[in-house]
C-alpha atoms as a PDB file:
ATOM      1  CA  UNK A   1      49.778  64.179 134.362  1.00  0.00           C
ATOM      2  CA  UNK A   2      51.634  60.888 134.187  1.00  0.00           C
ATOM      3  CA  UNK A   3      48.651  59.132 132.595  1.00  0.00           C
ATOM      4  CA  UNK A   4      50.465  59.046 129.307  1.00  0.00           C
ATOM      5  CA  UNK A   5      50.683  56.227 126.845  1.00  0.00           C
ATOM      6  CA  UNK A   6      52.670  53.470 128.561  1.00  0.00           C
ATOM      7  CA  UNK A   7      56.143  52.768 127.298  1.00  0.00           C
ATOM      8  CA  UNK A   8      55.832  49.880 124.910  1.00  0.00           C
ATOM      9  CA  UNK A   9      59.512  49.261 124.429  1.00  0.00           C
ATOM     10  CA  UNK A  10      60.745  45.790 125.375  1.00  0.00           C
ATOM     11  CA  UNK A  11      63.961  43.795 125.167  1.00  0.00           C
ATOM     12  CA  UNK A  12      63.506  40.755 122.983  1.00  0.00           C
ATOM     13  CA  UNK A  13      65.932  38.004 122.055  1.00  0.00           C
ATOM     14  CA  UNK A  14      66.452  36.420 118.684  1.00  0.00           C
ATOM     15  CA  UNK A  15      68.492  33.346 117.758  1.00  0.00           C
ATOM     16  CA  UNK A  16      71.273  33.460 115.237  1.00  0.00           C
ATOM     17  CA  UNK A  17      73.394  30.444 114.017  1.00  0.00           C
ATOM     18  CA  UNK A  18      77.108  30.951 113.545  1.00  0.00           C
ATOM     19  CA  UNK A  19      79.249  28.235 111.963  1.00  0.00           C
ATOM     20  CA  UNK A  20      82.735  27.709 113.423  1.00  0.00           C
ATOM     21  CA  UNK A  21      83.734  25.014 110.896  1.00  0.00           C
ATOM     22  CA  UNK A  22      83.120  21.972 113.101  1.00  0.00           C
ATOM     23  CA  UNK A  23      79.903  22.633 114.905  1.00  0.00           C
ATOM     24  CA  UNK A  24      77.212  25.206 115.231  1.00  0.00           C
ATOM     25  CA  UNK A  25      75.741  26.674 118.337  1.00  0.00           C
ATOM     26  CA  UNK A  26      72.855  29.099 118.808  1.00  0.00           C
ATOM     27  CA  UNK A  27      73.894  32.511 120.052  1.00  0.00           C
ATOM     28  CA  UNK A  28      71.232  34.785 121.551  1.00  0.00           C
ATOM     29  CA  UNK A  29      71.762  38.481 120.951  1.00  0.00           C
ATOM     30  CA  UNK A  30      69.524  41.310 122.113  1.00  0.00           C
ATOM     31  CA  UNK A  31      67.512  43.461 119.763  1.00  0.00           C
ATOM     32  CA  UNK A  32      65.891  46.751 120.778  1.00  0.00           C
ATOM     33  CA  UNK A  33      62.541  47.559 119.297  1.00  0.00           C
ATOM     34  CA  UNK A  34      61.766  51.235 118.563  1.00  0.00           C
ATOM     35  CA  UNK A  35      59.901  53.105 121.276  1.00  0.00           C
ATOM     36  CA  UNK A  36      56.410  54.274 120.448  1.00  0.00           C
ATOM     37  CA  UNK A  37      56.104  57.895 121.600  1.00  0.00           C
ATOM     38  CA  UNK A  38      52.780  59.628 121.972  1.00  0.00           C
ATOM     39  CA  UNK A  39      52.699  62.890 119.926  1.00  0.00           C
ATOM     40  CA  UNK A  40      50.786  64.574 122.747  1.00  0.00           C
ATOM     41  CA  UNK A  41      53.664  63.815 125.116  1.00  0.00           C
ATOM     42  CA  UNK A  42      56.085  65.359 122.646  1.00  0.00           C
ATOM     43  CA  UNK A  43      53.905  68.487 122.495  1.00  0.00           C
ATOM     44  CA  UNK A  44      53.898  68.705 126.301  1.00  0.00           C
ATOM     45  CA  UNK A  45      57.678  68.254 126.438  1.00  0.00           C
ATOM     46  CA  UNK A  46      58.227  70.963 123.813  1.00  0.00           C
ATOM     47  CA  UNK A  47      55.870  73.252 125.724  1.00  0.00           C
ATOM     48  CA  UNK A  48      57.827  72.573 128.910  1.00  0.00           C
ATOM     49  CA  UNK A  49      61.078  73.480 127.161  1.00  0.00           C
ATOM     50  CA  UNK A  50      59.618  76.766 125.901  1.00  0.00           C
ATOM     51  CA  UNK A  51      58.243  77.538 129.367  1.00  0.00           C
ATOM     52  CA  UNK A  52      61.621  76.894 130.974  1.00  0.00           C
ATOM     53  CA  UNK A  53      63.500  79.126 128.540  1.00  0.00           C
ATOM     54  CA  UNK A  54      61.073  82.035 128.804  1.00  0.00           C
ATOM     55  CA  UNK A  55      60.894  82.088 132.572  1.00  0.00           C
ATOM     56  CA  UNK A  56      64.624  81.549 132.997  1.00  0.00           C
ATOM     57  CA  UNK A  57      65.116  84.798 131.077  1.00  0.00           C
ATOM     58  CA  UNK A  58      62.668  86.621 133.356  1.00  0.00           C
ATOM     59  CA  UNK A  59      64.369  85.317 136.500  1.00  0.00           C
ATOM     60  CA  UNK A  60      67.812  86.259 135.167  1.00  0.00           C
ATOM     61  CA  UNK A  61      66.677  89.807 134.377  1.00  0.00           C
ATOM     62  CA  UNK A  62      65.124  90.289 137.817  1.00  0.00           C
ATOM     63  CA  UNK A  63      68.138  88.778 139.588  1.00  0.00           C
ATOM     64  CA  UNK A  64      70.793  90.839 137.800  1.00  0.00           C
ATOM     65  CA  UNK A  65      68.898  94.168 137.867  1.00  0.00           C
ATOM     66  CA  UNK A  66      69.191  95.754 141.347  1.00  0.00           C
ATOM     67  CA  UNK A  67      66.489  98.337 140.608  1.00  0.00           C
ATOM     68  CA  UNK A  68      63.832  95.643 140.149  1.00  0.00           C
ATOM     69  CA  UNK A  69      63.246  94.898 143.839  1.00  0.00           C
ATOM     70  CA  UNK A  70      59.802  96.432 144.392  1.00  0.00           C
ATOM     71  CA  UNK A  71      56.974  94.164 145.660  1.00  0.00           C
ATOM     72  CA  UNK A  72      55.499  93.969 142.156  1.00  0.00           C
ATOM     73  CA  UNK A  73      58.750  92.551 140.757  1.00  0.00           C
ATOM     74  CA  UNK A  74      59.091  90.125 143.665  1.00  0.00           C
ATOM     75  CA  UNK A  75      55.667  88.729 142.752  1.00  0.00           C
ATOM     76  CA  UNK A  76      56.599  88.531 139.070  1.00  0.00           C
ATOM     77  CA  UNK A  77      59.789  86.697 140.020  1.00  0.00           C
ATOM     78  CA  UNK A  78      57.848  84.217 142.136  1.00  0.00           C
ATOM     79  CA  UNK A  79      55.444  83.598 139.249  1.00  0.00           C
ATOM     80  CA  UNK A  80      58.362  83.071 136.862  1.00  0.00           C
ATOM     81  CA  UNK A  81      59.974  80.605 139.284  1.00  0.00           C
ATOM     82  CA  UNK A  82      56.705  78.649 139.591  1.00  0.00           C
ATOM     83  CA  UNK A  83      56.338  78.499 135.815  1.00  0.00           C
ATOM     84  CA  UNK A  84      59.993  77.487 135.457  1.00  0.00           C
ATOM     85  CA  UNK A  85      59.360  74.543 137.801  1.00  0.00           C
ATOM     86  CA  UNK A  86      56.251  73.679 135.790  1.00  0.00           C
ATOM     87  CA  UNK A  87      58.285  73.610 132.574  1.00  0.00           C
ATOM     88  CA  UNK A  88      60.973  71.447 134.142  1.00  0.00           C
ATOM     89  CA  UNK A  89      58.235  69.202 135.535  1.00  0.00           C
ATOM     90  CA  UNK A  90      56.839  68.626 132.047  1.00  0.00           C
ATOM     91  CA  UNK A  91      60.293  67.727 130.754  1.00  0.00           C
ATOM     92  CA  UNK A  92      60.939  65.360 133.672  1.00  0.00           C
ATOM     93  CA  UNK A  93      57.504  63.820 133.214  1.00  0.00           C
ATOM     94  CA  UNK A  94      58.437  62.943 129.617  1.00  0.00           C
ATOM     95  CA  UNK A  95      61.775  61.483 130.720  1.00  0.00           C
ATOM     96  CA  UNK A  96      60.226  59.485 133.556  1.00  0.00           C
ATOM     97  CA  UNK A  97      57.498  58.100 131.299  1.00  0.00           C
ATOM     98  CA  UNK A  98      59.743  56.824 128.536  1.00  0.00           C
ATOM     99  CA  UNK A  99      63.062  56.204 130.289  1.00  0.00           C
ATOM    100  CA  UNK A 100      62.314  55.604 133.957  1.00  0.00           C
ATOM    101  CA  UNK A 101      58.810  54.188 134.071  1.00  0.00           C
ATOM    102  CA  UNK A 102      58.462  53.477 137.805  1.00  0.00           C
ATOM    103  CA  UNK A 103      55.723  54.232 140.321  1.00  0.00           C
ATOM    104  CA  UNK A 104      57.985  56.402 142.468  1.00  0.00           C
ATOM    105  CA  UNK A 105      59.033  58.457 139.439  1.00  0.00           C
ATOM    106  CA  UNK A 106      55.385  59.024 138.496  1.00  0.00           C
ATOM    107  CA  UNK A 107      54.629  60.188 142.057  1.00  0.00           C
ATOM    108  CA  UNK A 108      57.559  62.633 142.020  1.00  0.00           C
ATOM    109  CA  UNK A 109      56.524  63.956 138.607  1.00  0.00           C
ATOM    110  CA  UNK A 110      52.882  64.386 139.623  1.00  0.00           C
ATOM    111  CA  UNK A 111      53.828  66.100 142.890  1.00  0.00           C
ATOM    112  CA  UNK A 112      56.171  68.541 141.156  1.00  0.00           C
ATOM    113  CA  UNK A 113      53.570  69.459 138.534  1.00  0.00           C
ATOM    114  CA  UNK A 114      50.813  69.938 141.114  1.00  0.00           C
ATOM    115  CA  UNK A 115      53.024  72.149 143.303  1.00  0.00           C
ATOM    116  CA  UNK A 116      54.335  74.193 140.355  1.00  0.00           C
ATOM    117  CA  UNK A 117      51.031  74.855 138.610  1.00  0.00           C
ATOM    118  CA  UNK A 118      49.274  75.546 141.933  1.00  0.00           C
ATOM    119  CA  UNK A 119      51.983  78.076 142.783  1.00  0.00           C
ATOM    120  CA  UNK A 120      51.556  79.645 139.339  1.00  0.00           C
ATOM    121  CA  UNK A 121      47.809  80.150 139.854  1.00  0.00           C
ATOM    122  CA  UNK A 122      48.268  81.449 143.405  1.00  0.00           C
ATOM    123  CA  UNK A 123      50.949  83.891 142.259  1.00  0.00           C
ATOM    124  CA  UNK A 124      48.668  85.206 139.527  1.00  0.00           C
ATOM    125  CA  UNK A 125      46.036  85.788 142.219  1.00  0.00           C
ATOM    126  CA  UNK A 126      48.629  87.592 144.361  1.00  0.00           C
ATOM    127  CA  UNK A 127      49.569  89.835 141.420  1.00  0.00           C
ATOM    128  CA  UNK A 128      45.880  90.593 140.853  1.00  0.00           C
ATOM    129  CA  UNK A 129      45.444  91.551 144.507  1.00  0.00           C
ATOM    130  CA  UNK A 130      48.579  93.717 144.290  1.00  0.00           C
ATOM    131  CA  UNK A 131      47.174  95.545 141.263  1.00  0.00           C
ATOM    132  CA  UNK A 132      43.886  96.101 143.054  1.00  0.00           C
ATOM    133  CA  UNK A 133      45.603  97.509 146.137  1.00  0.00           C
ATOM    134  CA  UNK A 134      47.807  99.785 144.024  1.00  0.00           C
ATOM    135  CA  UNK A 135      44.646 101.441 142.697  1.00  0.00           C
ATOM    136  CA  UNK A 136      42.409 101.222 145.754  1.00  0.00           C
ATOM    137  CA  UNK A 137      45.094 102.652 148.078  1.00  0.00           C
ATOM    138  CA  UNK A 138      47.017 104.646 145.497  1.00  0.00           C
ATOM    139  CA  UNK A 139      48.261 107.276 148.005  1.00  0.00           C
ATOM    140  CA  UNK A 140      49.426 104.877 150.715  1.00  0.00           C
ATOM    141  CA  UNK A 141      50.285 101.840 148.589  1.00  0.00           C
ATOM    142  CA  UNK A 142      54.042 102.376 148.504  1.00  0.00           C
ATOM    143  CA  UNK A 143      54.236 102.887 152.268  1.00  0.00           C
ATOM    144  CA  UNK A 144      51.970 100.000 153.259  1.00  0.00           C
ATOM    145  CA  UNK A 145      53.198  97.399 150.769  1.00  0.00           C
ATOM    146  CA  UNK A 146      56.676  96.536 151.971  1.00  0.00           C
ATOM    147  CA  UNK A 147      58.947  93.912 150.473  1.00  0.00           C
ATOM    148  CA  UNK A 148      58.909  92.029 153.798  1.00  0.00           C
ATOM    149  CA  UNK A 149      55.123  91.754 153.718  1.00  0.00           C
ATOM    150  CA  UNK A 150      55.302  90.471 150.137  1.00  0.00           C
ATOM    151  CA  UNK A 151      57.856  87.827 151.091  1.00  0.00           C
ATOM    152  CA  UNK A 152      55.637  86.649 153.968  1.00  0.00           C
ATOM    153  CA  UNK A 153      52.701  86.215 151.576  1.00  0.00           C
ATOM    154  CA  UNK A 154      54.874  84.314 149.119  1.00  0.00           C
ATOM    155  CA  UNK A 155      56.213  82.017 151.839  1.00  0.00           C
ATOM    156  CA  UNK A 156      52.629  81.114 152.792  1.00  0.00           C
ATOM    157  CA  UNK A 157      51.735  80.508 149.142  1.00  0.00           C
ATOM    158  CA  UNK A 158      54.703  78.225 148.573  1.00  0.00           C
ATOM    159  CA  UNK A 159      54.121  76.298 151.789  1.00  0.00           C
ATOM    160  CA  UNK A 160      50.554  75.529 150.722  1.00  0.00           C
ATOM    161  CA  UNK A 161      51.686  74.485 147.242  1.00  0.00           C
ATOM    162  CA  UNK A 162      54.474  72.274 148.579  1.00  0.00           C
ATOM    163  CA  UNK A 163      51.972  70.498 150.822  1.00  0.00           C
ATOM    164  CA  UNK A 164      49.677  69.968 147.823  1.00  0.00           C
ATOM    165  CA  UNK A 165      52.589  68.555 145.854  1.00  0.00           C
ATOM    166  CA  UNK A 166      53.558  66.158 148.632  1.00  0.00           C
ATOM    167  CA  UNK A 167      50.100  64.617 148.928  1.00  0.00           C
ATOM    168  CA  UNK A 168      50.591  62.022 146.140  1.00  0.00           C
ATOM    169  CA  UNK A 169      53.956  60.966 147.584  1.00  0.00           C
ATOM    170  CA  UNK A 170      52.523  60.707 151.113  1.00  0.00           C
ATOM    171  CA  UNK A 171      49.800  58.271 150.066  1.00  0.00           C
ATOM    172  CA  UNK A 172      47.099  60.316 148.368  1.00  0.00           C
ATOM    173  CA  UNK A 173      47.431  58.353 145.134  1.00  0.00           C
ATOM    174  CA  UNK A 174      45.581  55.643 143.236  1.00  0.00           C
ATOM    175  CA  UNK A 175      48.418  53.202 142.651  1.00  0.00           C
ATOM    176  CA  UNK A 176      46.773  50.553 144.845  1.00  0.00           C
ATOM    177  CA  UNK A 177      43.223  51.161 143.610  1.00  0.00           C
ATOM    178  CA  UNK A 178      42.974  52.039 139.920  1.00  0.00           C
ATOM    179  CA  UNK A 179      39.247  52.732 140.239  1.00  0.00           C
ATOM    180  CA  UNK A 180      40.005  55.900 142.226  1.00  0.00           C
ATOM    181  CA  UNK A 181      42.328  57.359 139.568  1.00  0.00           C
ATOM    182  CA  UNK A 182      41.554  60.736 138.063  1.00  0.00           C
ATOM    183  CA  UNK A 183      42.371  61.927 134.549  1.00  0.00           C
ATOM    184  CA  UNK A 184      45.887  62.585 135.876  1.00  0.00           C
ATOM    185  CA  UNK A 185      47.166  59.280 137.171  1.00  0.00           C
ATOM    186  CA  UNK A 186      48.399  58.633 139.898  1.00  0.00           C
ATOM    187  CA  UNK A 187      46.397  61.480 141.485  1.00  0.00           C
ATOM    188  CA  UNK A 188      43.046  60.439 142.974  1.00  0.00           C
ATOM    189  CA  UNK A 189      39.718  61.803 141.786  1.00  0.00           C
ATOM    190  CA  UNK A 190      39.058  63.416 145.171  1.00  0.00           C
ATOM    191  CA  UNK A 191      42.406  65.186 145.134  1.00  0.00           C
ATOM    192  CA  UNK A 192      41.868  66.529 141.622  1.00  0.00           C
ATOM    193  CA  UNK A 193      38.309  67.583 142.491  1.00  0.00           C
ATOM    194  CA  UNK A 194      39.586  69.650 145.428  1.00  0.00           C
ATOM    195  CA  UNK A 195      42.171  71.326 143.182  1.00  0.00           C
ATOM    196  CA  UNK A 196      39.547  72.041 140.492  1.00  0.00           C
ATOM    197  CA  UNK A 197      37.089  73.575 142.966  1.00  0.00           C
ATOM    198  CA  UNK A 198      39.867  75.675 144.496  1.00  0.00           C
ATOM    199  CA  UNK A 199      40.830  76.924 141.053  1.00  0.00           C
ATOM    200  CA  UNK A 200      37.254  77.853 140.162  1.00  0.00           C
ATOM    201  CA  UNK A 201      37.016  79.771 143.445  1.00  0.00           C
ATOM    202  CA  UNK A 202      40.274  81.617 142.656  1.00  0.00           C
ATOM    203  CA  UNK A 203      38.998  82.407 139.168  1.00  0.00           C
ATOM    204  CA  UNK A 204      35.757  83.837 140.566  1.00  0.00           C
ATOM    205  CA  UNK A 205      37.782  85.947 143.019  1.00  0.00           C
ATOM    206  CA  UNK A 206      39.990  87.233 140.209  1.00  0.00           C
ATOM    207  CA  UNK A 207      36.929  88.202 138.175  1.00  0.00           C
ATOM    208  CA  UNK A 208      35.586  90.187 141.120  1.00  0.00           C
ATOM    209  CA  UNK A 209      38.942  91.907 141.673  1.00  0.00           C
ATOM    210  CA  UNK A 210      39.319  92.827 138.007  1.00  0.00           C
ATOM    211  CA  UNK A 211      35.777  94.208 137.998  1.00  0.00           C
ATOM    212  CA  UNK A 212      36.670  96.421 140.952  1.00  0.00           C
ATOM    213  CA  UNK A 213      39.907  97.459 139.214  1.00  0.00           C
ATOM    214  CA  UNK A 214      37.918  98.563 136.168  1.00  0.00           C
ATOM    215  CA  UNK A 215      35.493 100.572 138.311  1.00  0.00           C
ATOM    216  CA  UNK A 216      38.325 102.312 140.174  1.00  0.00           C
ATOM    217  CA  UNK A 217      40.186 103.044 136.946  1.00  0.00           C
ATOM    218  CA  UNK A 218      37.131 104.641 135.341  1.00  0.00           C
ATOM    219  CA  UNK A 219      36.461 106.663 138.486  1.00  0.00           C
ATOM    220  CA  UNK A 220      40.047 107.940 138.578  1.00  0.00           C
ATOM    221  CA  UNK A 221      39.869 108.807 134.884  1.00  0.00           C
ATOM    222  CA  UNK A 222      36.674 110.782 135.435  1.00  0.00           C
ATOM    223  CA  UNK A 223      38.209 112.673 138.355  1.00  0.00           C
ATOM    224  CA  UNK A 224      41.264 113.569 136.273  1.00  0.00           C
ATOM    225  CA  UNK A 225      39.043 114.596 133.373  1.00  0.00           C
ATOM    226  CA  UNK A 226      37.100 116.994 135.609  1.00  0.00           C
ATOM    227  CA  UNK A 227      40.314 118.618 136.846  1.00  0.00           C
ATOM    228  CA  UNK A 228      41.927 118.766 133.393  1.00  0.00           C
ATOM    229  CA  UNK A 229      39.279 119.129 130.738  1.00  0.00           C
ATOM    230  CA  UNK A 230      41.834 119.248 127.952  1.00  0.00           C
ATOM    231  CA  UNK A 231      43.155 115.786 128.947  1.00  0.00           C
ATOM    232  CA  UNK A 232      39.786 114.064 129.206  1.00  0.00           C
ATOM    233  CA  UNK A 233      39.998 112.319 125.851  1.00  0.00           C
ATOM    234  CA  UNK A 234      43.544 111.090 126.476  1.00  0.00           C
ATOM    235  CA  UNK A 235      42.762 109.621 129.895  1.00  0.00           C
ATOM    236  CA  UNK A 236      39.531 108.029 128.649  1.00  0.00           C
ATOM    237  CA  UNK A 237      41.433 106.371 125.818  1.00  0.00           C
ATOM    238  CA  UNK A 238      44.152 105.165 128.208  1.00  0.00           C
ATOM    239  CA  UNK A 239      41.618 103.733 130.637  1.00  0.00           C
ATOM    240  CA  UNK A 240      39.640 102.001 127.878  1.00  0.00           C
ATOM    241  CA  UNK A 241      42.854 100.444 126.594  1.00  0.00           C
ATOM    242  CA  UNK A 242      43.707  99.280 130.118  1.00  0.00           C
ATOM    243  CA  UNK A 243      40.300  97.685 130.584  1.00  0.00           C
ATOM    244  CA  UNK A 244      40.646  95.920 127.242  1.00  0.00           C
ATOM    245  CA  UNK A 245      44.029  94.594 128.366  1.00  0.00           C
ATOM    246  CA  UNK A 246      42.532  93.260 131.597  1.00  0.00           C
ATOM    247  CA  UNK A 247      39.765  91.571 129.632  1.00  0.00           C
ATOM    248  CA  UNK A 248      42.345  89.839 127.443  1.00  0.00           C
ATOM    249  CA  UNK A 249      44.334  88.737 130.516  1.00  0.00           C
ATOM    250  CA  UNK A 250      41.290  87.324 132.274  1.00  0.00           C
ATOM    251  CA  UNK A 251      39.944  85.732 129.096  1.00  0.00           C
ATOM    252  CA  UNK A 252      43.271  84.053 128.383  1.00  0.00           C
ATOM    253  CA  UNK A 253      43.459  82.736 131.923  1.00  0.00           C
ATOM    254  CA  UNK A 254      39.933  81.319 131.636  1.00  0.00           C
ATOM    255  CA  UNK A 255      40.569  79.673 128.256  1.00  0.00           C
ATOM    256  CA  UNK A 256      43.686  77.992 129.602  1.00  0.00           C
ATOM    257  CA  UNK A 257      42.418  76.688 132.933  1.00  0.00           C
ATOM    258  CA  UNK A 258      38.618  76.435 132.956  1.00  0.00           C
ATOM    259  CA  UNK A 259      38.400  73.514 130.457  1.00  0.00           C
ATOM    260  CA  UNK A 260      40.725  71.222 132.429  1.00  0.00           C
ATOM    261  CA  UNK A 261      39.114  72.236 135.736  1.00  0.00           C
ATOM    262  CA  UNK A 262      35.604  71.448 134.518  1.00  0.00           C
ATOM    263  CA  UNK A 263      36.661  68.251 132.741  1.00  0.00           C
ATOM    264  CA  UNK A 264      38.512  66.917 135.799  1.00  0.00           C
ATOM    265  CA  UNK A 265      35.306  67.248 137.850  1.00  0.00           C
ATOM    266  CA  UNK A 266      33.297  64.951 135.587  1.00  0.00           C
ATOM    267  CA  UNK A 267      35.901  62.598 134.066  1.00  0.00           C
ATOM    268  CA  UNK A 268      38.177  59.880 135.395  1.00  0.00           C
ATOM    269  CA  UNK A 269      40.865  57.521 134.127  1.00  0.00           C
ATOM    270  CA  UNK A 270      38.353  55.501 132.073  1.00  0.00           C
ATOM    271  CA  UNK A 271      37.669  58.432 129.726  1.00  0.00           C
ATOM    272  CA  UNK A 272      39.547  58.618 126.380  1.00  0.00           C
ATOM    273  CA  UNK A 273      43.045  59.990 126.845  1.00  0.00           C
ATOM    274  CA  UNK A 274      42.714  62.370 123.900  1.00  0.00           C
ATOM    275  CA  UNK A 275      40.245  64.486 125.912  1.00  0.00           C
ATOM    276  CA  UNK A 276      42.659  64.694 128.813  1.00  0.00           C
ATOM    277  CA  UNK A 277      45.519  65.810 126.580  1.00  0.00           C
ATOM    278  CA  UNK A 278      43.269  68.301 124.773  1.00  0.00           C
ATOM    279  CA  UNK A 279      42.404  70.026 128.071  1.00  0.00           C
ATOM    280  CA  UNK A 280      45.780  69.695 129.811  1.00  0.00           C
ATOM    281  CA  UNK A 281      47.833  71.164 126.944  1.00  0.00           C
ATOM    282  CA  UNK A 282      46.070  74.586 127.004  1.00  0.00           C
ATOM    283  CA  UNK A 283      46.546  74.700 130.787  1.00  0.00           C
ATOM    284  CA  UNK A 284      50.288  74.230 130.380  1.00  0.00           C
ATOM    285  CA  UNK A 285      50.306  76.955 127.723  1.00  0.00           C
ATOM    286  CA  UNK A 286      49.272  79.425 130.426  1.00  0.00           C
ATOM    287  CA  UNK A 287      52.854  79.256 131.705  1.00  0.00           C
ATOM    288  CA  UNK A 288      54.035  80.196 128.208  1.00  0.00           C
ATOM    289  CA  UNK A 289      51.760  83.237 128.166  1.00  0.00           C
ATOM    290  CA  UNK A 290      52.435  84.419 131.736  1.00  0.00           C
ATOM    291  CA  UNK A 291      55.916  85.869 131.048  1.00  0.00           C
ATOM    292  CA  UNK A 292      54.501  87.834 128.111  1.00  0.00           C
ATOM    293  CA  UNK A 293      51.585  89.231 130.114  1.00  0.00           C
ATOM    294  CA  UNK A 294      53.199  89.919 133.465  1.00  0.00           C
ATOM    295  CA  UNK A 295      56.913  90.424 132.669  1.00  0.00           C
ATOM    296  CA  UNK A 296      57.780  91.355 129.095  1.00  0.00           C
ATOM    297  CA  UNK A 297      55.006  93.990 128.919  1.00  0.00           C
ATOM    298  CA  UNK A 298      56.487  95.823 131.903  1.00  0.00           C
ATOM    299  CA  UNK A 299      58.512  98.902 130.800  1.00  0.00           C
ATOM    300  CA  UNK A 300      61.192  98.427 133.483  1.00  0.00           C
ATOM    301  CA  UNK A 301      61.762  94.806 132.475  1.00  0.00           C
ATOM    302  CA  UNK A 302      61.735  95.795 128.805  1.00  0.00           C
ATOM    303  CA  UNK A 303      64.452  98.366 129.501  1.00  0.00           C
ATOM    304  CA  UNK A 304      66.584  95.804 131.362  1.00  0.00           C
ATOM    305  CA  UNK A 305      66.073  93.310 128.545  1.00  0.00           C
ATOM    306  CA  UNK A 306      67.211  95.834 125.947  1.00  0.00           C
ATOM    307  CA  UNK A 307      70.289  96.663 128.012  1.00  0.00           C
ATOM    308  CA  UNK A 308      71.118  92.983 128.494  1.00  0.00           C
ATOM    309  CA  UNK A 309      70.694  92.082 124.823  1.00  0.00           C
ATOM    310  CA  UNK A 310      72.291  95.009 123.003  1.00  0.00           C
ATOM    311  CA  UNK A 311      73.618  97.297 125.751  1.00  0.00           C
ATOM    312  CA  UNK A 312      71.375 100.180 124.746  1.00  0.00           C
ATOM    313  CA  UNK A 313      67.796 101.430 124.866  1.00  0.00           C
ATOM    314  CA  UNK A 314      65.929 102.433 121.672  1.00  0.00           C
ATOM    315  CA  UNK A 315      65.534 106.171 121.205  1.00  0.00           C
ATOM    316  CA  UNK A 316      61.780 105.825 120.857  1.00  0.00           C
ATOM    317  CA  UNK A 317      61.500 103.850 124.117  1.00  0.00           C
ATOM    318  CA  UNK A 318      59.568 105.768 126.795  1.00  0.00           C
ATOM    319  CA  UNK A 319      59.616 104.753 130.446  1.00  0.00           C
ATOM    320  CA  UNK A 320      56.413 106.432 131.604  1.00  0.00           C
ATOM    321  CA  UNK A 321      55.741 106.242 135.355  1.00  0.00           C
ATOM    322  CA  UNK A 322      52.682 104.260 136.342  1.00  0.00           C
ATOM    323  CA  UNK A 323      49.696 106.285 137.504  1.00  0.00           C
ATOM    324  CA  UNK A 324      46.615 105.318 139.455  1.00  0.00           C
ATOM    325  CA  UNK A 325      44.500 105.417 136.321  1.00  0.00           C
ATOM    326  CA  UNK A 326      46.602 102.747 134.639  1.00  0.00           C
ATOM    327  CA  UNK A 327      45.414  99.145 134.884  1.00  0.00           C
END
């Protein structure tokens, strides 16, 4: 990610002559030239700021609402924390590039971004698995899925992501051999290739899980329709809407991450930077969309947000309990 346009600012000296009446002597005074900032870097920094603000709101709501402690909300909180780190990483990357342009700073920035975005993808997978289990084991879900079990899974996820983030700092970088650099300097091509393949595997797994979720949802809707003929149309409409929502979620995830994953497998640091920016920017936008998809659409979080903002809940707001036919 730190393969941005190098900071072209420099400190130059100019000579000025000042007369003191009897003699003249040259006095050298510094002059700062304006810094040339890449517009793509500005876009990434602005995106990081938006990401940080959105996810900070989600974390604050979950932290200050005691009723939001179920495993589902723990996973949403972990996702929001990962995206918050990703947003802060983008801001720090901009600062390091234009104000503290050192190799160590670029390694820290790259490690933070790798860990944060990896954690974001893994948390989305964990939420997908949680949704699948809530439908597949609808009767025993709330007894089997304990908060402790969820925390154990999240600890494993974060340990893996921290290790991935430490790899550039521990020597898996291309600072000594520029020919091994990937599209995201100072990360090596091999390192990026492993991350891209892992992402594509996670995406394929998510597609399979969402396909199973759709099948289970339709089967539950059919069973309810048989038992309550007068509700068949309502449940069919609800299920169709749920499947459409899942399609939008999966499609958005693919549009954000598949381009940069595929491009990183075939490109390296010699490719034009505009292509790298054009694929990396949509990937960062996934952390802007995640709070909307996984947090702000949730009725419980919406209720807490209304209470926090205006101290009341709209009269037309309905907090309908989730059923096994919902997806």
